[in-house]
Amino acid sequence: MKTETTVEQKQAAHSITKIKQTLKSYGPGIIAVLAWLGAGDLVTSSVAGSDYGYSLMWILALSLLLRFLIVNIIARFQLMNKEGLTIMEGYGRLHPFFTYFLFAYALIMGHLFNAYMIKGAGEVLSTILHINQPFICSIIVVGVALFLLGKSIYLTIENIMKVLLALMTLAFFVLAFQAGPDIGQIVKGTIGFSIPSDTGVHGALLVAVSIIGAVAGSIANFVHPYFMKEKGWVKPEHKKLQRNDLLFAISVAIVINLAIWVVGAEILKPNGIKVETIDDLGKALQLNFGFIGWLIFYFGVFCTLFASIIGKTTGFPKLITDTLHIIRKDRRQKYGTKFENDPMYKWFMLFMLITPLIWSIPGMPGFISLVVGVNALNIVGFPVIAIGLLILSNKKSLLGDHRNNLVENILLVLSVILALWSAVQLAMNFF
């Protein structure tokens, strides 16, 4: 009996150790989730739910599927291509247009992503401190981020993100469960494939395009391989680990997005709350959990936004510097493959962190409007990204037997069609 207990204890200890090792190995996917989630998914899902119930759920489902497809293909290319190229170098092989376009596009979108992250973090910090100075608080956020950027804190940030992700997921999941989601309406909205009439603060088409931009079409998806490199996942044998990590990350993203959407549809919408400010977003937790809910929301959102600011400020300059080295090959020869060695990397970081403060100046567009608008603008680059990836991921000379299968090619063609449709709709809506 004693021997059996000892064996059982050893087996249990082994299982616990294995689970810990598995969770510890997950990293780039977690970084990616919070870099993606930040405010884009949080706002677009809550706005869609509060304004249009579950009628736009099919857009989210399709976008999450395409996000997994696109990020997995990008990661696979970086791990499996025969010449050890980065994804940006791969695009550079197709045509110089892709390199110049992605350089400018990453610079602009990185600025705009941090614009609403910094604005949102400033507004939340202002609320937490009970001072009506969101612009000053945004400056404080940038100052603290600037201080942390010089430190070797990748592992610390990763661990903090894991905890925050668990807390955020739990808080919204519990609230969504308590709200009693209408499963029938969720299924109907997921297979509905229709755009409802405008009834909310933001037009249904703009919200739909914003969801596609925030989830499937975001250039932030390209940052994932650079976090993989920091983790040491650079060889073909890391393919399975990378895919499992990404599957875990996407699964968590699905749970979070669905929970936020349910909160919008089942709590905000019935109470007549339209998401026009970040305070409107927090009312759901406050209505149900009182002051504790208030604390969970504001501290959770602030930490998530701040983590995303750090992630984008360190991730986007790698992407931009990589693209610059393709345009200016002499810089790659001079500074090598470590992007941080190039002085321009630091300038890109400063640009990414400091210039977005102009959007926090009083009188600029509100946080929610900025999030919806910026994520809709992602659609501008989505067709170029999708078409380039379709060509690149089928190149036998680079990928050999690791090219796309039939299903992946069909879905990528679908993403190209969706990207072109979204871009046309955005242009028509704008003009």
Protein backbone atom coordinates (compact mmCIF):
# COMPACT_ATOMS: atom_id res chain seq x y z
CA MET A 1 0.00 0.00 0.00
CA LYS A 2 2.83 2.32 0.89
CA THR A 3 4.61 1.45 -2.37
CA GLU A 4 1.43 2.14 -4.36
CA THR A 5 1.03 5.53 -2.71
CA THR A 6 4.64 6.38 -3.48
CA VAL A 7 4.18 5.41 -7.14
CA GLU A 8 0.98 7.46 -7.33
CA GLN A 9 2.72 10.43 -5.75
CA LYS A 10 5.57 10.15 -8.23
CA GLN A 11 3.14 9.96 -11.14
CA ALA A 12 1.21 12.96 -9.83
CA ALA A 13 4.41 14.93 -9.30
CA HIS A 14 5.58 13.99 -12.80
CA SER A 15 2.25 15.13 -14.29
CA ILE A 16 2.38 18.44 -12.43
CA THR A 17 5.99 19.00 -13.53
CA LYS A 18 5.06 18.23 -17.14
CA ILE A 19 2.14 20.70 -17.04
CA LYS A 20 4.41 23.39 -15.55
CA GLN A 21 7.05 22.79 -18.23
CA THR A 22 4.40 22.98 -20.96
CA LEU A 23 2.96 26.25 -19.63
CA LYS A 24 6.47 27.64 -19.14
CA SER A 25 7.34 26.80 -22.74
CA TYR A 26 4.42 28.91 -23.97
CA GLY A 27 5.66 32.43 -24.48
CA PRO A 28 5.49 34.06 -27.92
CA GLY A 29 1.84 33.06 -28.21
CA ILE A 30 1.00 34.70 -24.88
CA ILE A 31 2.96 37.81 -25.89
CA ALA A 32 1.06 37.76 -29.18
CA VAL A 33 -2.35 37.42 -27.51
CA LEU A 34 -1.87 40.48 -25.32
CA ALA A 35 -0.24 42.40 -28.16
CA TRP A 36 -3.29 41.53 -30.27
CA LEU A 37 -5.85 41.87 -27.49
CA GLY A 38 -4.63 45.14 -26.01
CA ALA A 39 -7.58 47.32 -26.89
CA GLY A 40 -8.48 46.23 -30.42
CA ASP A 41 -10.37 43.04 -29.57
CA LEU A 42 -11.55 44.42 -26.23
CA VAL A 43 -13.24 47.44 -27.80
CA THR A 44 -14.42 46.00 -31.13
CA SER A 45 -16.02 42.95 -29.48
CA SER A 46 -17.75 45.00 -26.78
CA VAL A 47 -18.94 47.63 -29.30
CA ALA A 48 -20.25 44.93 -31.64
CA GLY A 49 -22.03 43.14 -28.79
CA SER A 50 -23.54 46.25 -27.21
CA ASP A 51 -24.64 47.79 -30.51
CA TYR A 52 -25.60 44.78 -32.63
CA GLY A 53 -26.01 41.79 -30.31
CA TYR A 54 -24.69 38.61 -31.93
CA SER A 55 -25.44 39.52 -35.56
CA LEU A 56 -21.75 40.23 -36.39
CA MET A 57 -20.41 37.13 -34.61
CA TRP A 58 -19.64 35.47 -37.97
CA ILE A 59 -17.11 38.22 -38.68
CA LEU A 60 -15.25 37.41 -35.45
CA ALA A 61 -15.30 33.64 -36.08
CA LEU A 62 -13.98 34.05 -39.62
CA SER A 63 -11.35 36.59 -38.54
CA LEU A 64 -10.00 34.37 -35.74
CA LEU A 65 -9.75 31.43 -38.14
CA LEU A 66 -7.84 33.56 -40.62
CA ARG A 67 -5.61 34.97 -37.86
CA PHE A 68 -4.49 31.46 -36.91
CA LEU A 69 -3.94 30.58 -40.56
CA ILE A 70 -1.93 33.71 -41.35
CA VAL A 71 0.22 33.73 -38.20
CA ASN A 72 0.89 29.99 -38.47
CA ILE A 73 2.00 30.33 -42.10
CA ILE A 74 4.21 33.31 -41.23
CA ALA A 75 5.81 31.37 -38.35
CA ARG A 76 6.20 28.22 -40.44
CA PHE A 77 7.93 30.18 -43.20
CA GLN A 78 10.45 31.58 -40.74
CA LEU A 79 11.17 28.14 -39.25
CA MET A 80 11.14 26.02 -42.41
CA ASN A 81 12.46 28.09 -45.32
CA LYS A 82 15.72 26.72 -46.71
CA GLU A 83 17.69 29.98 -46.52
CA GLY A 84 16.85 31.07 -42.97
CA LEU A 85 15.01 34.16 -44.18
CA THR A 86 12.80 36.29 -41.96
CA ILE A 87 9.25 36.84 -43.19
CA MET A 88 10.17 40.37 -44.27
CA GLU A 89 13.12 39.05 -46.29
CA GLY A 90 10.70 36.62 -47.89
CA TYR A 91 8.42 39.45 -48.98
CA GLY A 92 11.49 41.29 -50.25
CA ARG A 93 12.22 38.35 -52.55
CA LEU A 94 8.85 38.76 -54.25
CA HIS A 95 9.21 42.39 -55.35
CA PRO A 96 10.74 45.61 -53.95
CA PHE A 97 7.20 47.06 -53.73
CA PHE A 98 6.37 44.77 -50.81
CA THR A 99 9.44 45.91 -48.87
CA TYR A 100 8.82 49.63 -49.29
CA PHE A 101 5.10 49.26 -48.65
CA LEU A 102 5.54 47.18 -45.48
CA PHE A 103 8.24 49.52 -44.17
CA ALA A 104 5.96 52.57 -44.44
CA TYR A 105 2.86 50.66 -43.37
CA ALA A 106 4.51 49.19 -40.24
CA LEU A 107 5.84 52.62 -39.26
CA ILE A 108 2.43 54.27 -39.59
CA MET A 109 0.37 51.49 -38.02
CA GLY A 110 2.84 50.98 -35.17
CA HIS A 111 2.45 54.69 -34.39
CA LEU A 112 -1.35 54.46 -34.52
CA PHE A 113 -1.57 51.25 -32.46
CA ASN A 114 0.44 52.83 -29.68
CA ALA A 115 -1.60 56.02 -30.07
CA TYR A 116 -4.78 54.42 -28.78
CA MET A 117 -2.92 52.17 -26.32
CA ILE A 118 -1.17 55.16 -24.72
CA LYS A 119 -4.34 57.27 -24.82
CA GLY A 120 -6.33 54.46 -23.21
CA ALA A 121 -3.69 53.75 -20.55
CA GLY A 122 -3.58 57.46 -19.70
CA GLU A 123 -7.36 57.66 -19.34
CA VAL A 124 -7.47 54.55 -17.15
CA LEU A 125 -4.58 55.73 -14.96
CA SER A 126 -6.33 59.08 -14.59
CA THR A 127 -9.47 57.28 -13.40
CA ILE A 128 -7.56 55.03 -10.98
CA LEU A 129 -5.73 58.02 -9.45
CA HIS A 130 -8.97 60.08 -9.39
CA ILE A 131 -7.38 63.00 -11.22
CA ASN A 132 -8.91 64.49 -14.33
CA GLN A 133 -5.59 64.74 -16.20
CA PRO A 134 -5.52 61.93 -18.81
CA PHE A 135 -2.90 63.71 -20.96
CA ILE A 136 -0.52 64.05 -18.00
CA CYS A 137 -1.14 60.40 -17.16
CA SER A 138 -0.34 59.40 -20.75
CA ILE A 139 2.99 61.22 -20.41
CA ILE A 140 3.64 59.29 -17.18
CA VAL A 141 2.83 56.01 -18.96
CA VAL A 142 5.30 56.83 -21.74
CA GLY A 143 7.95 57.87 -19.21
CA VAL A 144 7.67 54.59 -17.28
CA ALA A 145 7.70 52.57 -20.51
CA LEU A 146 10.78 54.48 -21.68
CA PHE A 147 12.53 53.63 -18.41
CA LEU A 148 11.69 49.91 -18.70
CA LEU A 149 12.77 49.59 -22.33
CA GLY A 150 16.44 49.74 -21.43
CA LYS A 151 16.16 46.77 -19.07
CA SER A 152 16.38 43.06 -19.81
CA ILE A 153 12.82 42.36 -18.78
CA TYR A 154 11.54 40.06 -21.51
CA LEU A 155 11.04 37.10 -19.13
CA THR A 156 9.49 39.34 -16.47
CA ILE A 157 7.02 40.82 -18.95
CA GLU A 158 6.21 37.35 -20.25
CA ASN A 159 5.44 36.04 -16.75
CA ILE A 160 3.36 39.11 -15.88
CA MET A 161 1.41 38.70 -19.10
CA LYS A 162 0.61 35.07 -18.29
CA VAL A 163 -0.85 36.09 -14.93
CA LEU A 164 -2.76 39.05 -16.37
CA LEU A 165 -4.11 36.96 -19.21
CA ALA A 166 -5.42 34.37 -16.74
CA LEU A 167 -7.03 37.07 -14.55
CA MET A 168 -8.61 38.93 -17.47
CA THR A 169 -9.91 35.70 -18.97
CA LEU A 170 -11.36 34.57 -15.65
CA ALA A 171 -13.04 37.93 -14.91
CA PHE A 172 -14.78 38.23 -18.28
CA PHE A 173 -15.58 34.52 -18.44
CA VAL A 174 -17.28 34.56 -15.03
CA LEU A 175 -19.25 37.68 -15.96
CA ALA A 176 -20.27 36.21 -19.32
CA PHE A 177 -21.35 32.97 -17.63
CA GLN A 178 -23.39 34.85 -15.05
CA ALA A 179 -25.02 36.90 -17.81
CA GLY A 180 -26.38 33.72 -19.38
CA PRO A 181 -25.32 33.84 -23.06
CA ASP A 182 -28.02 33.05 -25.60
CA ILE A 183 -26.47 30.01 -27.32
CA GLY A 184 -29.11 29.98 -30.05
CA GLN A 185 -28.40 33.61 -30.99
CA ILE A 186 -24.64 32.99 -30.88
CA VAL A 187 -24.98 30.08 -33.33
CA LYS A 188 -27.35 32.12 -35.51
CA GLY A 189 -24.93 35.07 -35.52
CA THR A 190 -21.97 32.81 -36.29
CA ILE A 191 -23.61 31.40 -39.42
CA GLY A 192 -25.61 34.52 -40.29
CA PHE A 193 -23.25 36.11 -42.85
CA SER A 194 -25.14 39.41 -42.91
CA ILE A 195 -24.49 43.04 -41.99
CA PRO A 196 -27.33 44.53 -39.90
CA SER A 197 -28.73 48.03 -40.30
CA ASP A 198 -26.97 50.82 -38.41
CA THR A 199 -28.46 51.10 -34.93
CA GLY A 200 -25.44 51.81 -32.75
CA VAL A 201 -23.05 54.70 -32.18
CA HIS A 202 -20.71 53.21 -34.78
CA GLY A 203 -21.98 51.99 -38.15
CA ALA A 204 -22.34 48.20 -38.52
CA LEU A 205 -20.08 48.10 -41.59
CA LEU A 206 -17.37 50.14 -39.87
CA VAL A 207 -17.51 47.82 -36.83
CA ALA A 208 -17.34 44.74 -39.09
CA VAL A 209 -14.33 46.08 -40.99
CA SER A 210 -12.72 47.09 -37.70
CA ILE A 211 -13.07 43.53 -36.37
CA ILE A 212 -11.50 42.11 -39.52
CA GLY A 213 -8.68 44.64 -39.28
CA ALA A 214 -8.10 44.12 -35.56
CA VAL A 215 -8.07 40.33 -35.78
CA ALA A 216 -7.21 38.93 -39.22
CA GLY A 217 -5.64 41.82 -41.08
CA SER A 218 -3.46 43.38 -38.42
CA ILE A 219 0.19 43.91 -39.29
CA ALA A 220 0.80 43.16 -35.59
CA ASN A 221 0.52 39.51 -36.67
CA PHE A 222 3.98 39.93 -38.23
CA VAL A 223 5.54 40.69 -34.85
CA HIS A 224 4.99 37.11 -33.64
CA PRO A 225 8.08 35.59 -35.36
CA TYR A 226 10.38 38.15 -33.71
CA PHE A 227 9.14 37.05 -30.27
CA MET A 228 9.71 33.45 -31.42
CA LYS A 229 13.30 34.34 -32.21
CA GLU A 230 13.78 35.85 -28.75
CA LYS A 231 12.45 32.60 -27.28
CA GLY A 232 15.03 30.66 -29.29
CA TRP A 233 12.54 29.03 -31.65
CA VAL A 234 14.53 29.28 -34.86
CA LYS A 235 14.83 25.70 -36.17
CA PRO A 236 12.49 23.29 -37.99
CA GLU A 237 12.26 21.09 -34.87
CA HIS A 238 10.47 23.98 -33.12
CA LYS A 239 7.56 23.76 -35.58
CA LYS A 240 5.34 21.57 -33.38
CA LEU A 241 6.04 23.65 -30.26
CA GLN A 242 5.29 26.84 -32.20
CA ARG A 243 2.01 25.48 -33.56
CA ASN A 244 0.84 24.24 -30.15
CA ASP A 245 1.81 27.58 -28.61
CA LEU A 246 -0.17 29.43 -31.27
CA LEU A 247 -3.16 27.10 -30.88
CA PHE A 248 -3.16 27.80 -27.16
CA ALA A 249 -2.92 31.54 -27.80
CA ILE A 250 -5.76 31.53 -30.34
CA SER A 251 -7.92 29.41 -28.01
CA VAL A 252 -7.42 31.94 -25.24
CA ALA A 253 -8.19 34.76 -27.69
CA ILE A 254 -11.45 33.00 -28.67
CA VAL A 255 -12.52 32.66 -25.03
CA ILE A 256 -11.68 36.30 -24.26
CA ASN A 257 -13.34 37.70 -27.38
CA LEU A 258 -16.45 35.58 -26.88
CA ALA A 259 -16.69 36.51 -23.21
CA ILE A 260 -16.33 40.24 -23.96
CA TRP A 261 -18.89 39.97 -26.76
CA VAL A 262 -21.38 38.21 -24.46
CA VAL A 263 -20.87 40.91 -21.82
CA GLY A 264 -21.65 43.55 -24.46
CA ALA A 265 -24.73 41.72 -25.78
CA GLU A 266 -26.19 40.46 -22.49
CA ILE A 267 -25.29 43.24 -20.05
CA LEU A 268 -24.48 46.49 -21.85
CA LYS A 269 -27.12 46.25 -24.60
CA PRO A 270 -30.09 45.40 -22.30
CA ASN A 271 -29.08 48.25 -19.98
CA GLY A 272 -28.95 50.69 -22.90
CA ILE A 273 -25.21 51.29 -22.45
CA LYS A 274 -23.45 52.29 -25.67
CA VAL A 275 -19.67 51.93 -25.62
CA GLU A 276 -18.53 55.49 -26.35
CA THR A 277 -15.86 55.81 -23.64
CA ILE A 278 -13.68 53.40 -21.70
CA ASP A 279 -15.87 54.04 -18.64
CA ASP A 280 -18.85 52.59 -20.53
CA LEU A 281 -16.84 49.42 -21.03
CA GLY A 282 -16.21 49.13 -17.30
CA LYS A 283 -19.87 49.53 -16.32
CA ALA A 284 -20.60 45.84 -16.93
CA LEU A 285 -18.17 44.69 -14.26
CA GLN A 286 -19.18 47.51 -11.94
CA LEU A 287 -22.89 46.74 -12.31
CA ASN A 288 -22.37 43.11 -11.35
CA PHE A 289 -19.44 43.16 -8.91
CA GLY A 290 -19.58 46.68 -7.48
CA PHE A 291 -16.31 48.28 -6.38
CA ILE A 292 -14.42 44.98 -6.74
CA GLY A 293 -15.55 44.83 -10.35
CA TRP A 294 -14.40 48.42 -10.82
CA LEU A 295 -10.94 47.50 -9.50
CA ILE A 296 -10.67 44.33 -11.61
CA PHE A 297 -11.62 46.18 -14.78
CA TYR A 298 -9.49 49.30 -14.46
CA PHE A 299 -6.35 47.64 -13.10
CA GLY A 300 -6.73 44.75 -15.54
CA VAL A 301 -7.22 47.02 -18.55
CA PHE A 302 -4.37 49.31 -17.51
CA CYS A 303 -1.92 46.41 -17.12
CA THR A 304 -3.04 44.88 -20.42
CA LEU A 305 -2.69 48.19 -22.26
CA PHE A 306 0.69 48.88 -20.68
CA ALA A 307 1.96 45.40 -21.55
CA SER A 308 0.77 45.93 -25.13
CA ILE A 309 2.60 49.27 -25.32
CA ILE A 310 5.82 47.52 -24.28
CA GLY A 311 5.16 44.69 -26.72
CA LYS A 312 4.51 46.96 -29.67
CA THR A 313 7.36 49.33 -28.82
CA THR A 314 9.85 46.44 -28.79
CA GLY A 315 8.25 44.33 -31.51
CA PHE A 316 7.45 46.81 -34.27
CA PRO A 317 10.99 48.32 -34.40
CA LYS A 318 12.34 44.82 -35.10
CA LEU A 319 9.95 44.45 -38.02
CA ILE A 320 10.74 47.95 -39.30
CA THR A 321 14.51 47.57 -38.88
CA ASP A 322 14.39 44.20 -40.63
CA THR A 323 12.60 45.84 -43.56
CA LEU A 324 15.08 48.73 -43.56
CA HIS A 325 17.96 46.24 -43.81
CA ILE A 326 16.35 44.73 -46.91
CA ILE A 327 16.10 48.17 -48.50
CA ARG A 328 19.57 49.18 -47.30
CA LYS A 329 21.64 45.99 -47.50
CA ASP A 330 24.75 47.84 -46.39
CA ARG A 331 23.20 48.29 -42.93
CA ARG A 332 22.67 44.53 -42.58
CA GLN A 333 26.32 43.97 -43.46
CA LYS A 334 27.45 46.66 -41.03
CA TYR A 335 25.26 45.80 -38.02
CA GLY A 336 24.55 42.09 -38.53
CA THR A 337 21.32 40.21 -37.88
CA LYS A 338 20.74 41.54 -34.37
CA PHE A 339 18.45 44.50 -35.02
CA GLU A 340 19.29 46.18 -31.69
CA ASN A 341 22.84 46.84 -32.98
CA ASP A 342 21.52 49.26 -35.58
CA PRO A 343 21.18 52.80 -34.10
CA MET A 344 17.97 53.22 -36.14
CA TYR A 345 16.33 50.53 -34.00
CA LYS A 346 16.42 52.86 -30.98
CA TRP A 347 15.12 55.77 -33.05
CA PHE A 348 12.23 53.61 -34.26
CA MET A 349 11.48 52.69 -30.64
CA LEU A 350 11.45 56.34 -29.62
CA PHE A 351 9.24 57.21 -32.58
CA MET A 352 6.88 54.37 -31.68
CA LEU A 353 6.64 55.49 -28.06
CA ILE A 354 6.79 59.30 -28.05
CA THR A 355 5.03 60.53 -31.23
CA PRO A 356 1.69 58.81 -30.35
CA LEU A 357 1.34 61.27 -27.46
CA ILE A 358 -0.08 63.81 -29.90
CA TRP A 359 -3.28 61.72 -29.98
CA SER A 360 -3.63 62.11 -26.21
CA ILE A 361 -3.75 65.90 -26.40
CA PRO A 362 -7.18 67.22 -25.30
CA GLY A 363 -9.52 67.66 -28.25
CA MET A 364 -8.25 64.68 -30.24
CA PRO A 365 -10.63 61.78 -31.10
CA GLY A 366 -11.89 59.73 -28.15
CA PHE A 367 -10.32 56.41 -27.17
CA ILE A 368 -13.15 54.18 -28.46
CA SER A 369 -13.45 56.03 -31.79
CA LEU A 370 -9.67 55.90 -32.21
CA VAL A 371 -9.60 52.13 -31.62
CA VAL A 372 -12.41 51.44 -34.09
CA GLY A 373 -10.94 53.80 -36.72
CA VAL A 374 -7.33 52.58 -36.47
CA ASN A 375 -8.30 48.92 -36.65
CA ALA A 376 -10.48 49.63 -39.67
CA LEU A 377 -7.41 51.22 -41.30
CA ASN A 378 -5.63 47.87 -40.98
CA ILE A 379 -7.69 46.87 -43.99
CA VAL A 380 -5.61 49.18 -46.20
CA GLY A 381 -2.64 46.83 -45.98
CA PHE A 382 -4.49 43.54 -45.62
CA PRO A 383 -4.85 42.85 -49.38
CA VAL A 384 -1.10 43.39 -49.95
CA ILE A 385 -0.21 41.19 -46.96
CA ALA A 386 -2.62 38.41 -47.98
CA ILE A 387 -1.64 38.34 -51.67
CA GLY A 388 2.08 38.38 -50.82
CA LEU A 389 1.68 35.60 -48.27
CA LEU A 390 -0.30 33.47 -50.72
CA ILE A 391 2.53 33.67 -53.26
CA LEU A 392 5.35 33.34 -50.73
CA SER A 393 3.96 30.33 -48.85
CA ASN A 394 3.69 28.35 -52.12
CA LYS A 395 7.28 28.89 -53.29
CA LYS A 396 8.84 25.45 -53.73
CA SER A 397 12.34 26.93 -54.04
CA LEU A 398 12.12 28.24 -50.46
CA LEU A 399 9.78 25.84 -48.65
CA GLY A 400 10.00 22.55 -50.55
CA ASP A 401 7.48 20.12 -49.02
CA HIS A 402 6.46 22.65 -46.36
CA ARG A 403 4.34 24.67 -48.75
CA ASN A 404 0.64 25.26 -48.13
CA ASN A 405 -1.80 22.39 -48.44
CA LEU A 406 -5.04 22.72 -50.41
CA VAL A 407 -7.14 23.82 -47.41
CA GLU A 408 -4.62 26.52 -46.46
CA ASN A 409 -4.55 27.84 -50.03
CA ILE A 410 -8.35 27.94 -50.19
CA LEU A 411 -8.51 29.84 -46.89
CA LEU A 412 -5.76 32.24 -48.00
CA VAL A 413 -7.65 32.95 -51.24
CA LEU A 414 -10.71 33.57 -49.06
CA SER A 415 -8.68 35.99 -46.94
CA VAL A 416 -7.56 37.84 -50.09
CA ILE A 417 -11.21 38.17 -51.19
CA LEU A 418 -12.24 39.30 -47.70
CA ALA A 419 -9.36 41.80 -47.61
CA LEU A 420 -10.29 43.30 -50.98
CA TRP A 421 -13.99 43.45 -50.06
CA SER A 422 -13.21 45.14 -46.74
CA ALA A 423 -10.87 47.66 -48.37
CA VAL A 424 -13.49 48.55 -51.00
CA GLN A 425 -16.21 48.88 -48.35
CA LEU A 426 -14.00 51.10 -46.20
CA ALA A 427 -13.15 53.30 -49.18
CA MET A 428 -16.84 53.61 -50.16
CA ASN A 429 -17.81 54.36 -46.58
CA PHE A 430 -15.09 57.02 -46.30
CA PHE A 431 -15.83 58.82 -49.57
